[in-house]
Amino acid sequence: MRSRRVPRCAIIVAALVLTGALAGCDDETPIVPGPGPSKVVVDTPELRELKATTALADCAPGPGGGALPDITLPCLGGGTSVDLASLRGPLVLSFWYAGCEPCKKEMPALEEFHTTYGAQVPVIGVDFIDTYPGSALEELKERGVTYPSLADPGGELQQFEEFAKIPGMPTMFFVDEAGTIAFQRSGGVDSADEVADLVREHLGVAL
């Protein structure tokens, strides 16, 4: 079943709710525009130079035929853009942004999970509604993150029902083999073991 777009009025309400949720994460919360194309550029020569100093993997499309929304997101700091509809699981999508302290705290756990189990269950970040891509790359570099991260600075994903109700950051989406979201988890995790348990429970993968 293909993704359905959320009515415009519902998108506006969701954006206002998400603004409040993000405000609880950090005092430097970026302004949340209405969902749609953003003027924030996440691929510039300067950002590519910064990304080259990190250990981040390039973003890569999936095999295709998935059930996620048919929308293409750029790779944070340059690289290969990815149509979400090409992605199929099992995989974990991690929504975060640079100013979110709980996001920073869970990154080491996600990185450990990625290092240990990434061949079976990849982790893909999504720098979501973030007007500071340079700061985002600095945070990933500081924490030694190697899994790739897409970027949605304008919150375009909010127009799709799968991503219209995100209570706060960080939020993880567990995507099954059909490319369908099997489970959504907000609030962060403390360890790679916790992520592994969620994958076993909701994606049925034997790790």
Protein backbone atom coordinates (compact mmCIF):
# COMPACT_ATOMS: atom_id res chain seq x y z
CA MET A 1 0.00 0.00 0.00
CA ARG A 2 1.45 3.35 -1.03
CA SER A 3 1.81 6.28 1.31
CA ARG A 4 -1.02 8.76 1.63
CA ARG A 5 -0.43 12.48 1.89
CA VAL A 6 -1.74 14.20 5.01
CA PRO A 7 -4.27 17.04 4.55
CA ARG A 8 -2.67 20.49 4.68
CA CYS A 9 -4.52 21.54 7.85
CA ALA A 10 -3.29 18.42 9.65
CA ILE A 11 0.28 19.17 8.54
CA ILE A 12 0.12 22.64 10.05
CA VAL A 13 -1.15 21.27 13.37
CA ALA A 14 1.55 18.59 13.37
CA ALA A 15 4.23 21.19 12.71
CA LEU A 16 3.05 23.26 15.68
CA VAL A 17 3.00 20.20 17.93
CA LEU A 18 6.46 19.16 16.79
CA THR A 19 7.76 22.67 17.43
CA GLY A 20 6.69 22.37 21.04
CA ALA A 21 8.15 18.90 21.36
CA LEU A 22 11.49 19.97 19.98
CA ALA A 23 11.56 22.98 22.25
CA GLY A 24 11.73 20.61 25.17
CA CYS A 25 14.98 19.14 23.87
CA ASP A 26 17.24 22.15 23.68
CA ASP A 27 17.24 25.92 24.03
CA GLU A 28 18.72 26.28 20.54
CA THR A 29 15.80 24.59 18.81
CA PRO A 30 15.71 25.61 15.12
CA ILE A 31 12.61 27.37 13.86
CA VAL A 32 10.22 24.87 12.32
CA PRO A 33 8.89 26.06 8.97
CA GLY A 34 5.77 24.70 7.37
CA PRO A 35 6.46 21.27 5.88
CA GLY A 36 7.83 21.68 2.40
CA PRO A 37 10.96 22.49 0.42
CA SER A 38 13.62 24.24 2.50
CA LYS A 39 16.06 26.97 1.55
CA VAL A 40 18.64 25.32 3.79
CA VAL A 41 21.37 23.77 1.62
CA VAL A 42 22.90 20.59 3.03
CA ASP A 43 25.40 20.05 0.22
CA THR A 44 27.96 22.82 -0.27
CA PRO A 45 31.73 22.75 -0.85
CA GLU A 46 32.25 23.76 2.78
CA LEU A 47 29.96 21.03 4.08
CA ARG A 48 31.61 18.44 1.84
CA GLU A 49 34.98 19.49 3.21
CA LEU A 50 33.69 19.11 6.76
CA LYS A 51 32.10 15.75 5.99
CA ALA A 52 35.41 14.51 4.61
CA THR A 53 36.86 14.88 8.13
CA THR A 54 34.23 12.49 9.53
CA ALA A 55 33.90 8.72 9.22
CA LEU A 56 30.37 8.91 7.81
CA ALA A 57 29.43 6.41 5.14
CA ASP A 58 27.82 7.70 1.97
CA CYS A 59 24.07 7.42 1.69
CA ALA A 60 22.87 4.67 -0.63
CA PRO A 61 19.49 3.82 -2.16
CA GLY A 62 17.88 0.49 -1.48
CA PRO A 63 16.77 -2.21 -3.93
CA GLY A 64 13.44 -0.51 -4.65
CA GLY A 65 9.85 -1.61 -4.28
CA GLY A 66 9.47 -0.47 -0.67
CA ALA A 67 6.37 1.01 0.95
CA LEU A 68 7.92 4.18 2.34
CA PRO A 69 6.95 7.53 0.77
CA ASP A 70 8.19 8.22 -2.74
CA ILE A 71 10.33 11.23 -1.84
CA THR A 72 14.02 11.82 -2.43
CA LEU A 73 16.15 13.24 0.38
CA PRO A 74 19.68 14.61 0.02
CA CYS A 75 22.61 13.09 1.86
CA LEU A 76 23.79 15.32 4.72
CA GLY A 77 27.00 17.07 3.72
CA GLY A 78 26.87 15.82 0.14
CA GLY A 79 26.77 12.42 -1.46
CA THR A 80 24.09 10.21 -2.94
CA SER A 81 20.46 11.30 -2.60
CA VAL A 82 18.01 8.55 -1.66
CA ASP A 83 14.41 7.91 -2.62
CA LEU A 84 12.86 6.52 0.55
CA ALA A 85 10.62 4.28 -1.54
CA SER A 86 13.75 2.41 -2.63
CA LEU A 87 14.51 1.33 0.94
CA ARG A 88 13.50 -2.04 2.32
CA GLY A 89 14.37 -3.52 5.67
CA PRO A 90 15.17 -4.75 8.02
CA LEU A 91 16.61 -1.34 8.88
CA VAL A 92 16.40 1.42 11.46
CA LEU A 93 15.69 5.04 10.56
CA SER A 94 16.92 7.42 13.28
CA PHE A 95 15.38 10.91 13.23
CA TRP A 96 17.47 13.53 15.03
CA TYR A 97 18.78 17.08 14.83
CA ALA A 98 21.90 18.92 15.96
CA GLY A 99 20.50 20.76 18.97
CA CYS A 100 18.75 17.76 20.55
CA GLU A 101 20.60 16.55 23.65
CA PRO A 102 18.79 13.17 23.89
CA CYS A 103 19.74 12.58 20.24
CA LYS A 104 23.41 13.11 21.07
CA LYS A 105 23.17 10.75 24.04
CA GLU A 106 21.75 7.87 21.98
CA MET A 107 24.21 8.20 19.08
CA PRO A 108 26.90 6.02 20.72
CA ALA A 109 24.32 3.26 21.25
CA LEU A 110 23.20 3.45 17.63
CA GLU A 111 26.80 3.50 16.45
CA GLU A 112 27.63 0.40 18.51
CA PHE A 113 24.54 -1.35 17.12
CA HIS A 114 25.55 -0.32 13.60
CA THR A 115 29.11 -1.56 14.09
CA THR A 116 27.92 -4.89 15.50
CA TYR A 117 24.80 -5.62 13.46
CA GLY A 118 24.84 -3.16 10.54
CA ALA A 119 25.39 -5.91 7.98
CA GLN A 120 22.05 -7.43 9.03
CA VAL A 121 20.13 -4.31 10.04
CA PRO A 122 21.53 -1.02 8.72
CA VAL A 123 21.04 2.26 10.55
CA ILE A 124 20.23 5.39 8.54
CA GLY A 125 19.99 8.77 10.20
CA VAL A 126 17.62 11.55 9.11
CA ASP A 127 18.67 15.05 10.18
CA PHE A 128 15.13 16.34 10.58
CA ILE A 129 13.94 19.97 10.49
CA ASP A 130 17.47 21.18 11.19
CA THR A 131 18.66 24.55 9.87
CA TYR A 132 22.25 23.93 10.98
CA PRO A 133 23.76 21.17 8.79
CA GLY A 134 27.29 22.19 9.74
CA SER A 135 26.52 21.76 13.43
CA ALA A 136 24.87 18.43 12.63
CA LEU A 137 28.03 17.16 10.94
CA GLU A 138 30.14 18.39 13.86
CA GLU A 139 27.96 16.43 16.30
CA LEU A 140 28.30 13.26 14.23
CA LYS A 141 32.05 13.74 13.99
CA GLU A 142 32.43 14.33 17.73
CA ARG A 143 30.61 11.10 18.51
CA GLY A 144 32.39 8.97 15.94
CA VAL A 145 29.24 8.13 14.00
CA THR A 146 29.82 6.13 10.82
CA TYR A 147 26.29 5.26 9.68
CA PRO A 148 24.97 7.58 6.93
CA SER A 149 22.51 10.40 7.46
CA LEU A 150 19.98 11.90 5.09
CA ALA A 151 18.60 15.40 5.60
CA ASP A 152 15.10 16.87 5.62
CA PRO A 153 15.64 20.47 6.77
CA GLY A 154 12.17 21.60 5.70
CA GLY A 155 10.22 18.76 7.26
CA GLU A 156 8.88 17.57 3.91
CA LEU A 157 8.29 14.10 5.34
CA GLN A 158 5.51 15.49 7.55
CA GLN A 159 3.19 15.57 4.53
CA PHE A 160 3.07 11.76 4.64
CA GLU A 161 1.00 9.96 7.23
CA GLU A 162 3.88 7.70 8.32
CA PHE A 163 5.82 10.72 9.57
CA ALA A 164 3.01 13.14 10.41
CA LYS A 165 2.92 12.29 14.12
CA ILE A 166 6.40 12.53 15.60
CA PRO A 167 6.09 13.45 19.30
CA GLY A 168 9.69 14.57 19.73
CA MET A 169 13.32 13.82 19.10
CA PRO A 170 14.96 11.41 18.84
CA THR A 171 12.53 9.05 17.13
CA MET A 172 13.35 5.70 15.53
CA PHE A 173 11.37 3.91 12.84
CA PHE A 174 11.86 0.16 12.44
CA VAL A 175 11.33 -0.79 8.79
CA ASP A 176 10.53 -4.37 7.79
CA GLU A 177 11.45 -6.35 4.65
CA ALA A 178 8.51 -4.91 2.72
CA GLY A 179 9.65 -1.39 3.46
CA THR A 180 6.76 -0.85 5.87
CA ILE A 181 7.19 0.83 9.24
CA ALA A 182 6.63 -1.91 11.81
CA PHE A 183 7.28 0.15 14.93
CA GLN A 184 7.97 3.73 16.02
CA ARG A 185 9.94 4.57 19.15
CA SER A 186 10.57 8.05 20.59
CA GLY A 187 12.60 9.15 23.60
CA GLY A 188 16.01 7.67 22.88
CA VAL A 189 17.82 4.49 23.89
CA ASP A 190 20.65 3.86 26.33
CA SER A 191 22.47 0.94 24.76
CA ALA A 192 23.04 -1.11 21.63
CA ASP A 193 21.44 -4.05 23.43
CA GLU A 194 18.24 -2.05 23.78
CA VAL A 195 18.19 -1.38 20.03
CA ALA A 196 18.89 -5.06 19.35
CA ASP A 197 15.99 -6.11 21.58
CA LEU A 198 13.64 -3.76 19.70
CA VAL A 199 14.83 -5.14 16.37
CA ARG A 200 14.26 -8.72 17.52
CA GLU A 201 10.80 -7.89 18.85
CA HIS A 202 9.45 -5.74 16.04
CA LEU A 203 11.38 -6.91 12.97
CA GLY A 204 11.77 -10.57 13.89
CA VAL A 205 15.48 -10.61 13.13
CA ALA A 206 17.68 -13.10 14.93
CA LEU A 207 20.77 -11.16 15.93
